[in-house]
Amino acid sequence: MPSQPAPKPRGPRRGVLQKSLEQLQRNWRAELHRSIPGMLLSLIVHTCIFLVMGLIVYQVQTDSMPPMTDMLWGEDIGDGTDFELGNFEMTSGVEVNIDDNLPSLPSSEQMLDLTMPSLDLTAPLKTTTAIPQKATFGNVFSGRSSGQQGERIRQSGGNPNATRTIRMSLEWIARQQQKDGRWQFHEGYPQASPGSRCDAAATGLALLTFLGAGSTPKDGDYRREVYQGIKWLLEHQKRNGNLDQGDGPSISVIYSHAIATIALCECYAMTGDPEMKSACENAIRYLDEAQLRGEGGWRYGILSPGSGGDLSVTGWALMALQTARVAGIEVEPRIFRKSTGFLNRLESSDPWLYSYTPGRSPTLSMTAEGLVCRQWMGMEPNSKIMRNGISYLTRPQNLPQWKEGRRNVYAWYYLAHALHNNGGETWKEWYGYTQKILMEQQLLVPSEETPGDIVGSWHPHTPQGDGHDYGDRWGRLYVTCLCTLILETPFRHLPLYEVADLENTTKKR
């Protein structure tokens, strides 16, 4: 039997794991070789596409792009209104040329604000400036000294003897001050309004009459009354800045806070007292928080996003903000920008007429208030809107009358502001006419029919005013304060546009 050959030596045995790894490696290399041509082709194709797109974009000229407003809202077809705009001074110091043919763009904050369901961003906003004018205290309040009051009244077409009428009303208001420094609408004198307690508003309104006549906590014939009233407001201001005491109806919260804020800011502007500055800043901060983010207006209190504002409350709030600016208190420009959008929504088909809330019919009082707000925001006096608005305010049927169903001291207060800012013969004729009515209707002797302290005041509901007078609702102090402030108009503030001219002249020098 042949012998078997000797076996060859065997190498070390490879494990199963190593075989698996080697097989995977071979498979990966094979797959890579197959896919490389496809990957290269894809890379080349995509690169070519991007190059072509870049060449197309490069060749597009900027003048072939649609206007930004068209991209946002569609083509601007206008609203049938012939607007005339002037050049407004921008607070940023950047010179901007306003294009009359384009609607105002909303701010970036408005466009990104997700709590704006009530603003219709599908239609262009009507063109108007959103930048309020700046003015210094020295110019705005320079007429309040006692030596200038009579002359200012005469220059406004009035009877300088009105200073005696004003003095009598101030004496009556001073007698109604409570021992702790406050004033009240609801009690203390004949024809008070028992259901309308709102002490911060009453105190603020009374203080404005004394401040308007030149008195401060340190100077003037009524410095004691002003000192005690300001002290009461400061002591009762809440930590969040709110000056309303929560003692009245819910509809009065922002009214009350705004009116008291105006008084604080005027007092700070007249005195420069550093202790008052923080109180003014906190009060303005509260108004900022109370502004309705969805609309840009104000309502009765701090409401949820999307709630509707009204022009009556908004006017008082903007007056407080404008007064703060005059006093040197910083106010965020976005507050005014948002308010501009709200005012746009209150315009009627005739853009110089305004309503209480969007969709309602325009009224005399709201038109006067709306035009004053536009003036604070820089609308020029020679614009078509302002000219037509002033013409409407002074129509024969809108002239003040102390008659049943016609008296409207609320409207006259804002009318005085609007016409005084605009100046000219129209203001002089209106003030002389209205001053005569108020002087004739002031109560100069005690009345057997109305026992009590009434001398120097005006009756709140005899005659009964129209629906927007509110004399029967807020009582004798309210009506007397407004009548006094109307009479003080010639010297309480210089006309807004006159202030702007003075500012421009100073800058040129």
Protein backbone atom coordinates (compact mmCIF):
# COMPACT_ATOMS: atom_id res chain seq x y z
CA MET A 1 0.00 0.00 0.00
CA PRO A 2 1.57 3.20 -1.13
CA SER A 3 2.30 5.68 1.48
CA GLN A 4 0.30 8.97 1.65
CA PRO A 5 2.12 12.23 0.94
CA ALA A 6 3.00 14.32 3.89
CA PRO A 7 0.40 17.14 4.50
CA LYS A 8 1.34 20.75 3.71
CA PRO A 9 1.60 23.06 6.59
CA ARG A 10 -1.60 25.27 7.10
CA GLY A 11 -1.55 28.93 7.91
CA PRO A 12 -3.40 30.42 10.81
CA ARG A 13 -7.20 30.08 10.55
CA ARG A 14 -9.12 33.34 9.70
CA GLY A 15 -12.07 34.17 11.88
CA VAL A 16 -15.66 34.76 10.69
CA LEU A 17 -15.58 38.48 11.68
CA GLN A 18 -12.49 39.18 9.59
CA LYS A 19 -14.10 37.50 6.55
CA SER A 20 -17.20 39.65 6.97
CA LEU A 21 -15.16 42.89 7.12
CA GLU A 22 -13.22 41.96 4.02
CA GLN A 23 -16.42 41.19 2.13
CA LEU A 24 -17.93 44.55 3.13
CA GLN A 25 -14.79 46.32 1.98
CA ARG A 26 -14.97 44.64 -1.43
CA ASN A 27 -18.65 45.49 -1.79
CA TRP A 28 -18.07 49.19 -0.86
CA ARG A 29 -15.27 49.53 -3.43
CA ALA A 30 -17.43 48.01 -6.12
CA GLU A 31 -20.35 50.32 -5.26
CA LEU A 32 -18.09 53.36 -5.22
CA HIS A 33 -16.76 52.58 -8.69
CA ARG A 34 -20.29 52.24 -9.99
CA SER A 35 -21.60 55.50 -8.38
CA ILE A 36 -18.70 57.88 -9.16
CA PRO A 37 -19.87 58.70 -12.70
CA GLY A 38 -23.42 59.52 -11.47
CA MET A 39 -22.17 61.72 -8.63
CA LEU A 40 -19.90 63.63 -10.96
CA LEU A 41 -22.73 64.15 -13.41
CA SER A 42 -25.08 65.43 -10.68
CA LEU A 43 -22.45 67.84 -9.38
CA ILE A 44 -21.81 69.23 -12.86
CA VAL A 45 -25.53 69.70 -13.63
CA HIS A 46 -26.30 71.51 -10.35
CA THR A 47 -23.26 73.75 -10.75
CA CYS A 48 -24.43 74.78 -14.21
CA ILE A 49 -27.93 75.55 -12.94
CA PHE A 50 -26.61 77.85 -10.19
CA LEU A 51 -24.34 79.63 -12.67
CA VAL A 52 -27.24 80.27 -15.05
CA MET A 53 -29.46 81.59 -12.21
CA GLY A 54 -26.68 83.90 -11.07
CA LEU A 55 -26.32 85.32 -14.56
CA ILE A 56 -30.07 85.93 -14.80
CA VAL A 57 -30.22 87.78 -11.44
CA TYR A 58 -27.15 89.82 -12.36
CA GLN A 59 -28.82 91.01 -15.54
CA VAL A 60 -32.05 92.19 -13.83
CA GLN A 61 -32.03 95.98 -13.47
CA THR A 62 -33.30 97.52 -10.23
CA ASP A 63 -35.71 99.77 -12.04
CA SER A 64 -37.53 96.72 -13.38
CA MET A 65 -38.40 95.55 -9.85
CA PRO A 66 -41.92 96.35 -8.62
CA PRO A 67 -42.16 98.96 -5.82
CA MET A 68 -41.86 97.55 -2.31
CA THR A 69 -45.41 98.65 -1.57
CA ASP A 70 -46.67 96.63 -4.54
CA MET A 71 -44.82 93.57 -3.29
CA LEU A 72 -46.44 93.97 0.14
CA TRP A 73 -49.95 95.12 -0.72
CA GLY A 74 -50.36 94.88 -4.48
CA GLU A 75 -50.45 97.77 -6.90
CA ASP A 76 -51.28 101.13 -5.33
CA ILE A 77 -54.41 102.34 -7.04
CA GLY A 78 -54.94 105.19 -4.56
CA ASP A 79 -57.99 105.99 -2.47
CA GLY A 80 -59.31 108.97 -4.35
CA THR A 81 -57.81 111.45 -1.90
CA ASP A 82 -55.42 114.19 -2.96
CA PHE A 83 -52.89 114.36 -0.15
CA GLU A 84 -50.43 117.19 0.20
CA LEU A 85 -47.39 116.50 2.30
CA GLY A 86 -44.64 118.78 3.52
CA ASN A 87 -41.12 117.90 4.59
CA PHE A 88 -41.16 116.78 8.19
CA GLU A 89 -38.28 116.88 10.63
CA MET A 90 -37.27 113.32 11.45
CA THR A 91 -36.11 112.65 14.98
CA SER A 92 -33.35 110.41 13.68
CA GLY A 93 -31.69 113.34 11.93
CA VAL A 94 -31.76 111.48 8.60
CA GLU A 95 -33.09 113.50 5.70
CA VAL A 96 -35.89 111.65 3.96
CA ASN A 97 -37.73 112.66 0.82
CA ILE A 98 -41.37 111.66 1.12
CA ASP A 99 -42.91 110.27 -2.05
CA ASP A 100 -46.48 111.50 -2.31
CA ASN A 101 -47.45 108.56 -4.49
CA LEU A 102 -46.63 105.84 -2.01
CA PRO A 103 -48.59 104.87 1.11
CA SER A 104 -46.85 104.91 4.47
CA LEU A 105 -45.04 101.70 5.22
CA PRO A 106 -45.66 100.12 8.61
CA SER A 107 -42.69 99.86 10.91
CA SER A 108 -40.77 96.59 11.07
CA GLU A 109 -42.27 96.07 14.51
CA GLN A 110 -45.76 96.39 13.10
CA MET A 111 -45.01 93.93 10.31
CA LEU A 112 -43.60 91.37 12.74
CA ASP A 113 -46.21 91.91 15.45
CA LEU A 114 -48.31 88.77 15.50
CA THR A 115 -50.97 90.36 17.71
CA MET A 116 -52.44 92.61 15.02
CA PRO A 117 -55.51 90.81 13.70
CA SER A 118 -57.58 93.98 13.53
CA LEU A 119 -55.26 95.82 11.12
CA ASP A 120 -56.02 95.23 7.47
CA LEU A 121 -52.57 94.77 5.94
CA THR A 122 -54.03 93.93 2.55
CA ALA A 123 -54.81 97.60 1.88
CA PRO A 124 -52.31 100.45 1.92
CA LEU A 125 -52.23 102.78 4.89
CA LYS A 126 -53.14 106.35 4.07
CA THR A 127 -50.12 108.58 3.82
CA THR A 128 -49.26 110.73 6.81
CA THR A 129 -46.24 111.38 8.94
CA ALA A 130 -45.79 109.33 12.08
CA ILE A 131 -43.10 111.53 13.58
CA PRO A 132 -44.35 114.05 16.15
CA GLN A 133 -42.74 117.46 16.25
CA LYS A 134 -40.22 118.33 18.91
CA ALA A 135 -40.54 121.48 20.98
CA THR A 136 -38.79 122.88 24.00
CA PHE A 137 -40.40 124.01 27.22
CA GLY A 138 -38.99 127.52 26.87
CA ASN A 139 -40.99 128.07 23.70
CA VAL A 140 -44.15 126.10 24.41
CA PHE A 141 -45.03 127.52 27.84
CA SER A 142 -43.47 130.96 27.53
CA GLY A 143 -46.81 132.77 27.53
CA ARG A 144 -47.99 131.61 30.95
CA SER A 145 -46.47 134.43 32.98
CA SER A 146 -49.10 136.78 34.37
CA GLY A 147 -47.61 139.72 32.53
CA GLN A 148 -48.23 138.12 29.11
CA GLN A 149 -51.67 136.61 29.55
CA GLY A 150 -53.76 139.65 28.65
CA GLU A 151 -51.61 140.45 25.62
CA ARG A 152 -51.76 136.87 24.39
CA ILE A 153 -55.55 136.96 24.66
CA ARG A 154 -55.66 140.24 22.74
CA GLN A 155 -53.42 138.80 20.00
CA SER A 156 -55.86 135.89 19.72
CA GLY A 157 -58.77 138.19 19.00
CA GLY A 158 -60.17 138.09 22.52
CA ASN A 159 -61.05 140.56 25.23
CA PRO A 160 -58.16 140.95 27.70
CA ASN A 161 -60.77 141.29 30.46
CA ALA A 162 -61.14 137.53 30.18
CA THR A 163 -58.28 137.34 32.68
CA ARG A 164 -60.82 138.37 35.35
CA THR A 165 -63.18 135.61 34.22
CA ILE A 166 -60.33 133.13 34.45
CA ARG A 167 -59.37 134.44 37.90
CA MET A 168 -62.91 133.92 39.19
CA SER A 169 -63.03 130.37 37.88
CA LEU A 170 -59.64 129.57 39.43
CA GLU A 171 -60.88 130.89 42.75
CA TRP A 172 -63.92 128.60 42.53
CA ILE A 173 -61.77 125.59 41.62
CA ALA A 174 -59.37 126.36 44.48
CA ARG A 175 -62.26 126.40 46.97
CA GLN A 176 -63.25 122.86 45.94
CA GLN A 177 -59.89 121.28 46.82
CA GLN A 178 -60.09 118.65 49.57
CA LYS A 179 -57.91 118.85 52.67
CA ASP A 180 -55.63 116.07 51.44
CA GLY A 181 -54.97 117.89 48.16
CA ARG A 182 -57.30 116.10 45.74
CA TRP A 183 -60.33 117.30 43.80
CA GLN A 184 -63.49 115.31 43.20
CA PHE A 185 -66.15 115.16 40.52
CA HIS A 186 -68.75 113.42 42.63
CA GLU A 187 -69.32 115.60 45.71
CA GLY A 188 -68.62 118.84 47.55
CA TYR A 189 -70.51 121.45 45.51
CA PRO A 190 -73.83 121.93 43.67
CA GLN A 191 -74.42 119.75 40.60
CA ALA A 192 -71.62 117.36 41.40
CA SER A 193 -71.90 113.96 39.73
CA PRO A 194 -72.44 111.32 42.45
CA GLY A 195 -72.00 108.38 40.08
CA SER A 196 -68.73 109.59 38.55
CA ARG A 197 -66.03 109.28 41.17
CA CYS A 198 -62.63 109.57 39.54
CA ASP A 199 -60.34 111.54 41.84
CA ALA A 200 -57.11 111.34 39.82
CA ALA A 201 -58.82 112.75 36.73
CA ALA A 202 -60.54 115.48 38.75
CA THR A 203 -57.24 116.39 40.39
CA GLY A 204 -55.34 116.38 37.12
CA LEU A 205 -57.93 118.53 35.34
CA ALA A 206 -58.02 121.07 38.18
CA LEU A 207 -54.22 121.24 38.31
CA LEU A 208 -54.07 121.95 34.58
CA THR A 209 -56.08 125.14 35.05
CA PHE A 210 -53.61 126.46 37.65
CA LEU A 211 -50.53 125.33 35.73
CA GLY A 212 -51.99 126.93 32.61
CA ALA A 213 -52.22 130.24 34.46
CA GLY A 214 -48.54 130.02 35.45
CA SER A 215 -48.69 128.63 38.99
CA THR A 216 -46.33 125.86 40.10
CA PRO A 217 -45.68 124.22 43.50
CA LYS A 218 -43.07 126.94 44.15
CA ASP A 219 -44.42 130.03 42.42
CA GLY A 220 -47.64 131.80 41.47
CA ASP A 221 -50.87 132.80 43.19
CA TYR A 222 -52.01 129.17 43.49
CA ARG A 223 -48.73 127.51 44.45
CA ARG A 224 -50.27 126.06 47.60
CA GLU A 225 -53.09 124.37 45.68
CA VAL A 226 -50.69 123.07 43.03
CA TYR A 227 -48.23 121.78 45.63
CA GLN A 228 -50.91 119.85 47.51
CA GLY A 229 -52.48 118.46 44.33
CA ILE A 230 -49.17 117.27 42.88
CA LYS A 231 -48.20 115.80 46.24
CA TRP A 232 -51.45 113.82 46.37
CA LEU A 233 -50.89 112.40 42.87
CA LEU A 234 -47.30 111.39 43.63
CA GLU A 235 -48.24 109.74 46.91
CA HIS A 236 -50.98 107.69 45.27
CA GLN A 237 -49.20 106.60 42.10
CA LYS A 238 -49.04 102.82 41.91
CA ARG A 239 -45.80 100.90 41.50
CA ASN A 240 -46.63 100.12 37.87
CA GLY A 241 -46.94 103.85 37.14
CA ASN A 242 -50.75 103.99 37.06
CA LEU A 243 -52.18 107.20 38.55
CA ASP A 244 -55.80 106.05 38.52
CA GLN A 245 -57.02 105.12 41.97
CA GLY A 246 -59.50 102.47 40.90
CA ASP A 247 -62.22 104.45 42.63
CA GLY A 248 -64.36 105.09 39.58
CA PRO A 249 -66.07 103.17 36.78
CA SER A 250 -63.91 100.85 34.68
CA ILE A 251 -64.28 103.11 31.66
CA SER A 252 -62.34 105.88 33.41
CA VAL A 253 -58.99 104.14 34.08
CA ILE A 254 -56.97 105.39 31.10
CA TYR A 255 -58.88 108.69 30.96
CA SER A 256 -57.96 109.30 34.58
CA HIS A 257 -54.37 108.18 34.24
CA ALA A 258 -53.76 110.22 31.06
CA ILE A 259 -55.19 113.46 32.44
CA ALA A 260 -53.18 113.14 35.65
CA THR A 261 -50.08 112.35 33.57
CA ILE A 262 -50.53 115.55 31.57
CA ALA A 263 -50.60 117.53 34.82
CA LEU A 264 -47.48 115.83 36.17
CA CYS A 265 -45.54 116.33 32.95
CA GLU A 266 -46.55 119.98 32.66
CA CYS A 267 -45.49 120.59 36.23
CA TYR A 268 -42.16 118.86 35.63
CA ALA A 269 -41.63 120.91 32.46
CA MET A 270 -42.29 124.14 34.34
CA THR A 271 -40.12 123.34 37.36
CA GLY A 272 -37.49 120.83 36.28
CA ASP A 273 -37.90 119.19 39.69
CA PRO A 274 -35.79 116.00 39.45
CA GLU A 275 -37.96 114.25 42.04
CA MET A 276 -40.88 114.36 39.59
CA LYS A 277 -39.02 112.93 36.62
CA SER A 278 -39.24 109.28 37.64
CA ALA A 279 -42.97 109.63 38.34
CA CYS A 280 -43.48 111.05 34.83
CA GLU A 281 -41.39 108.28 33.27
CA ASN A 282 -43.35 105.60 35.12
CA ALA A 283 -46.64 107.18 34.06
CA ILE A 284 -45.54 107.19 30.41
CA ARG A 285 -44.38 103.60 30.71
CA TYR A 286 -47.86 102.63 31.90
CA LEU A 287 -49.40 104.34 28.86
CA ASP A 288 -47.00 102.41 26.67
CA GLU A 289 -48.18 99.15 28.22
CA ALA A 290 -51.82 100.19 27.90
CA GLN A 291 -51.59 100.89 24.17
CA LEU A 292 -53.47 98.27 22.21
CA ARG A 293 -50.80 96.38 20.29
CA GLY A 294 -53.20 95.26 17.61
CA GLU A 295 -54.57 98.71 16.78
CA GLY A 296 -52.32 101.40 18.19
CA GLY A 297 -55.07 103.19 20.10
CA TRP A 298 -56.19 103.15 23.72
CA ARG A 299 -59.43 102.09 25.36
CA TYR A 300 -60.68 102.15 28.93
CA GLY A 301 -57.96 99.95 30.43
CA ILE A 302 -55.20 97.50 29.56
CA LEU A 303 -57.05 94.99 27.38
CA SER A 304 -56.10 91.82 25.55
CA PRO A 305 -54.53 91.96 22.06
CA GLY A 306 -57.07 92.55 19.33
CA SER A 307 -59.34 94.71 21.50
CA GLY A 308 -60.71 97.88 19.92
CA GLY A 309 -59.59 101.37 20.87
CA ASP A 310 -61.48 104.66 20.64
CA LEU A 311 -60.39 108.16 19.67
CA SER A 312 -61.66 109.85 22.82
CA VAL A 313 -59.33 107.94 25.14
CA THR A 314 -56.57 107.91 22.53
CA GLY A 315 -56.59 111.71 22.27
CA TRP A 316 -55.96 112.14 26.01
CA ALA A 317 -53.23 109.49 25.93
CA LEU A 318 -51.46 111.18 23.01
CA MET A 319 -51.75 114.55 24.73
CA ALA A 320 -49.96 113.05 27.73
CA LEU A 321 -47.23 111.64 25.48
CA GLN A 322 -46.82 114.94 23.63
CA THR A 323 -46.58 116.83 26.93
CA ALA A 324 -43.97 114.36 28.13
CA ARG A 325 -41.91 115.03 25.01
CA VAL A 326 -42.08 118.77 25.64
CA ALA A 327 -40.92 118.11 29.20
CA GLY A 328 -37.92 116.15 27.93
CA ILE A 329 -39.25 112.74 28.90
CA GLU A 330 -38.25 110.04 26.43
CA VAL A 331 -41.16 108.55 24.50
CA GLU A 332 -40.64 105.61 22.16
CA PRO A 333 -41.33 106.65 18.52
CA ARG A 334 -43.07 103.31 17.87
CA ILE A 335 -45.94 104.47 20.12
CA PHE A 336 -46.70 107.28 17.70
CA ARG A 337 -46.18 105.05 14.65
CA LYS A 338 -48.82 102.64 15.90
CA SER A 339 -51.15 105.50 16.76
CA THR A 340 -50.88 106.76 13.19
CA GLY A 341 -52.22 103.47 11.90
CA PHE A 342 -55.12 103.67 14.32
CA LEU A 343 -55.98 107.23 13.27
CA ASN A 344 -55.96 106.13 9.63
CA ARG A 345 -58.71 103.63 10.43
CA LEU A 346 -60.88 106.33 12.03
CA GLU A 347 -60.95 108.54 8.93
CA SER A 348 -64.14 108.69 6.96
CA SER A 349 -64.34 108.82 3.17
CA ASP A 350 -63.37 112.46 3.67
CA PRO A 351 -60.02 111.94 5.42
CA TRP A 352 -60.33 115.09 7.52
CA LEU A 353 -63.38 113.75 9.38
CA TYR A 354 -62.97 111.33 12.29
CA SER A 355 -65.19 108.93 14.18
CA TYR A 356 -65.16 107.60 17.73
CA THR A 357 -64.38 104.03 16.63
CA PRO A 358 -63.77 102.54 13.17
CA GLY A 359 -66.93 102.29 11.11
CA ARG A 360 -68.97 104.89 12.97
CA SER A 361 -70.14 108.21 11.57
CA PRO A 362 -67.79 111.17 12.09
CA THR A 363 -68.61 113.77 14.75
CA LEU A 364 -67.49 117.32 15.53
CA SER A 365 -65.73 116.40 18.77
CA MET A 366 -63.89 113.42 17.30
CA THR A 367 -62.88 115.38 14.21
CA ALA A 368 -61.39 118.13 16.38
CA GLU A 369 -59.58 115.55 18.50
CA GLY A 370 -58.33 113.64 15.47
CA LEU A 371 -56.94 116.77 13.81
CA VAL A 372 -55.12 117.76 17.00
CA CYS A 373 -53.52 114.31 17.11
CA ARG A 374 -52.41 114.74 13.49
CA GLN A 375 -50.91 118.12 14.38
CA TRP A 376 -48.88 116.57 17.20
CA MET A 377 -47.58 114.02 14.70
CA GLY A 378 -46.36 116.68 12.33
CA MET A 379 -49.05 117.16 9.69
CA GLU A 380 -48.44 120.47 7.95
CA PRO A 381 -51.00 123.28 8.36
CA ASN A 382 -51.21 123.81 4.61
CA SER A 383 -51.97 120.19 3.78
CA LYS A 384 -55.31 119.54 2.13
CA ILE A 385 -56.46 117.39 5.03
CA MET A 386 -55.75 120.10 7.60
CA ARG A 387 -57.23 122.90 5.52
CA ASN A 388 -60.46 120.99 4.93
CA GLY A 389 -60.59 119.86 8.55
CA ILE A 390 -60.27 123.39 9.87
CA SER A 391 -62.91 124.54 7.41
CA TYR A 392 -65.28 121.86 8.70
CA LEU A 393 -64.69 122.80 12.35
CA THR A 394 -65.60 126.43 11.70
CA ARG A 395 -68.71 125.95 9.59
CA PRO A 396 -71.60 128.12 10.83
CA GLN A 397 -73.53 125.08 12.04
CA ASN A 398 -70.51 123.98 14.11
CA LEU A 399 -69.91 127.28 15.89
CA PRO A 400 -70.31 127.10 19.70
CA GLN A 401 -73.76 127.80 21.07
CA TRP A 402 -74.80 127.72 24.72
CA LYS A 403 -78.16 126.21 23.85
CA GLU A 404 -80.14 123.08 24.52
CA GLY A 405 -78.69 120.20 22.56
CA ARG A 406 -75.90 122.35 21.11
CA ARG A 407 -73.48 123.05 23.94
CA ASN A 408 -70.40 120.81 23.73
CA VAL A 409 -67.52 121.93 25.95
CA TYR A 410 -65.64 118.70 25.23
CA ALA A 411 -65.57 119.44 21.49
CA TRP A 412 -64.76 123.11 22.10
CA TYR A 413 -61.73 122.14 24.18
CA TYR A 414 -60.19 120.21 21.28
CA LEU A 415 -61.41 122.79 18.76
CA ALA A 416 -59.47 125.43 20.68
CA HIS A 417 -56.32 123.29 20.46
CA ALA A 418 -56.68 122.59 16.74
CA LEU A 419 -57.52 126.16 15.70
CA HIS A 420 -54.93 127.74 17.98
CA ASN A 421 -52.19 125.51 16.57
CA ASN A 422 -53.26 126.47 13.06
CA GLY A 423 -53.39 130.18 13.92
CA GLY A 424 -54.45 132.96 11.60
CA GLU A 425 -57.68 134.90 11.34
CA THR A 426 -59.80 131.77 11.61
CA TRP A 427 -58.47 131.15 15.12
CA LYS A 428 -58.93 134.78 16.15
CA GLU A 429 -62.54 134.89 14.98
CA TRP A 430 -63.40 131.59 16.64
CA TYR A 431 -61.72 132.44 19.95
CA GLY A 432 -63.24 135.92 20.16
CA TYR A 433 -66.69 134.47 19.46
CA THR A 434 -66.33 131.57 21.91
CA GLN A 435 -64.72 133.67 24.63
CA LYS A 436 -67.70 136.03 24.62
CA ILE A 437 -70.12 133.12 25.11
CA LEU A 438 -68.15 131.66 28.01
CA MET A 439 -67.76 135.03 29.73
CA GLU A 440 -71.51 135.65 29.46
CA GLN A 441 -72.42 132.23 30.87
CA GLN A 442 -70.14 132.23 33.91
CA LEU A 443 -72.11 132.51 37.14
CA LEU A 444 -71.19 135.78 38.85
CA VAL A 445 -73.69 135.93 41.71
CA PRO A 446 -75.25 133.37 44.07
CA SER A 447 -78.43 131.77 42.83
CA GLU A 448 -81.62 131.24 44.82
CA GLU A 449 -82.42 128.28 42.61
CA THR A 450 -79.03 126.71 43.24
CA PRO A 451 -77.87 127.34 46.82
CA GLY A 452 -74.24 126.70 47.54
CA ASP A 453 -70.87 127.71 46.17
CA ILE A 454 -71.31 128.41 42.45
CA VAL A 455 -69.83 131.89 41.84
CA GLY A 456 -67.11 131.67 39.20
CA SER A 457 -68.29 128.31 37.82
CA TRP A 458 -70.44 127.18 34.90
CA HIS A 459 -73.60 125.10 35.15
CA PRO A 460 -73.01 121.51 33.97
CA HIS A 461 -76.43 120.78 32.44
CA THR A 462 -78.41 124.00 32.11
CA PRO A 463 -78.80 123.96 29.23
CA GLN A 464 -78.44 120.27 28.50
CA GLY A 465 -75.57 119.77 26.07
CA ASP A 466 -75.47 117.44 23.12
CA GLY A 467 -74.57 113.77 23.47
CA HIS A 468 -70.83 114.45 23.51
CA ASP A 469 -70.83 117.29 26.03
CA TYR A 470 -70.72 115.02 29.14
CA GLY A 471 -71.47 117.91 31.47
CA ASP A 472 -74.43 116.14 33.01
CA ARG A 473 -72.29 113.04 33.56
CA TRP A 474 -69.16 114.59 35.12
CA GLY A 475 -70.65 117.61 36.84
CA ARG A 476 -69.79 121.21 37.64
CA LEU A 477 -66.05 120.82 38.27
CA TYR A 478 -65.56 119.09 34.92
CA VAL A 479 -67.41 121.78 32.94
CA THR A 480 -65.75 124.63 34.84
CA CYS A 481 -62.26 123.22 34.26
CA LEU A 482 -62.84 122.78 30.53
CA CYS A 483 -64.31 126.27 30.14
CA THR A 484 -61.31 127.69 32.00
CA LEU A 485 -58.82 125.77 29.86
CA ILE A 486 -60.55 127.00 26.68
CA LEU A 487 -60.23 130.61 27.87
CA GLU A 488 -56.57 130.02 28.78
CA THR A 489 -55.72 128.61 25.35
CA PRO A 490 -53.96 131.73 24.00
CA PHE A 491 -51.30 131.63 26.72
CA ARG A 492 -51.26 128.00 27.89
CA HIS A 493 -49.22 126.96 24.84
CA LEU A 494 -47.72 128.74 21.92
CA PRO A 495 -49.27 127.56 18.65
CA LEU A 496 -47.60 124.30 17.64
CA TYR A 497 -46.53 125.52 14.22
CA GLU A 498 -45.24 128.77 15.70
CA VAL A 499 -43.08 126.69 18.01
CA ALA A 500 -41.77 124.72 15.04
CA ASP A 501 -40.85 127.98 13.28
CA LEU A 502 -39.02 129.20 16.37
CA GLU A 503 -37.14 125.93 16.60
CA ASN A 504 -36.10 126.14 12.95
CA THR A 505 -35.01 129.75 13.32
CA THR A 506 -32.92 128.88 16.36
CA LYS A 507 -31.22 126.05 14.49
CA LYS A 508 -30.34 128.32 11.55
CA ARG A 509 -28.70 130.79 13.90
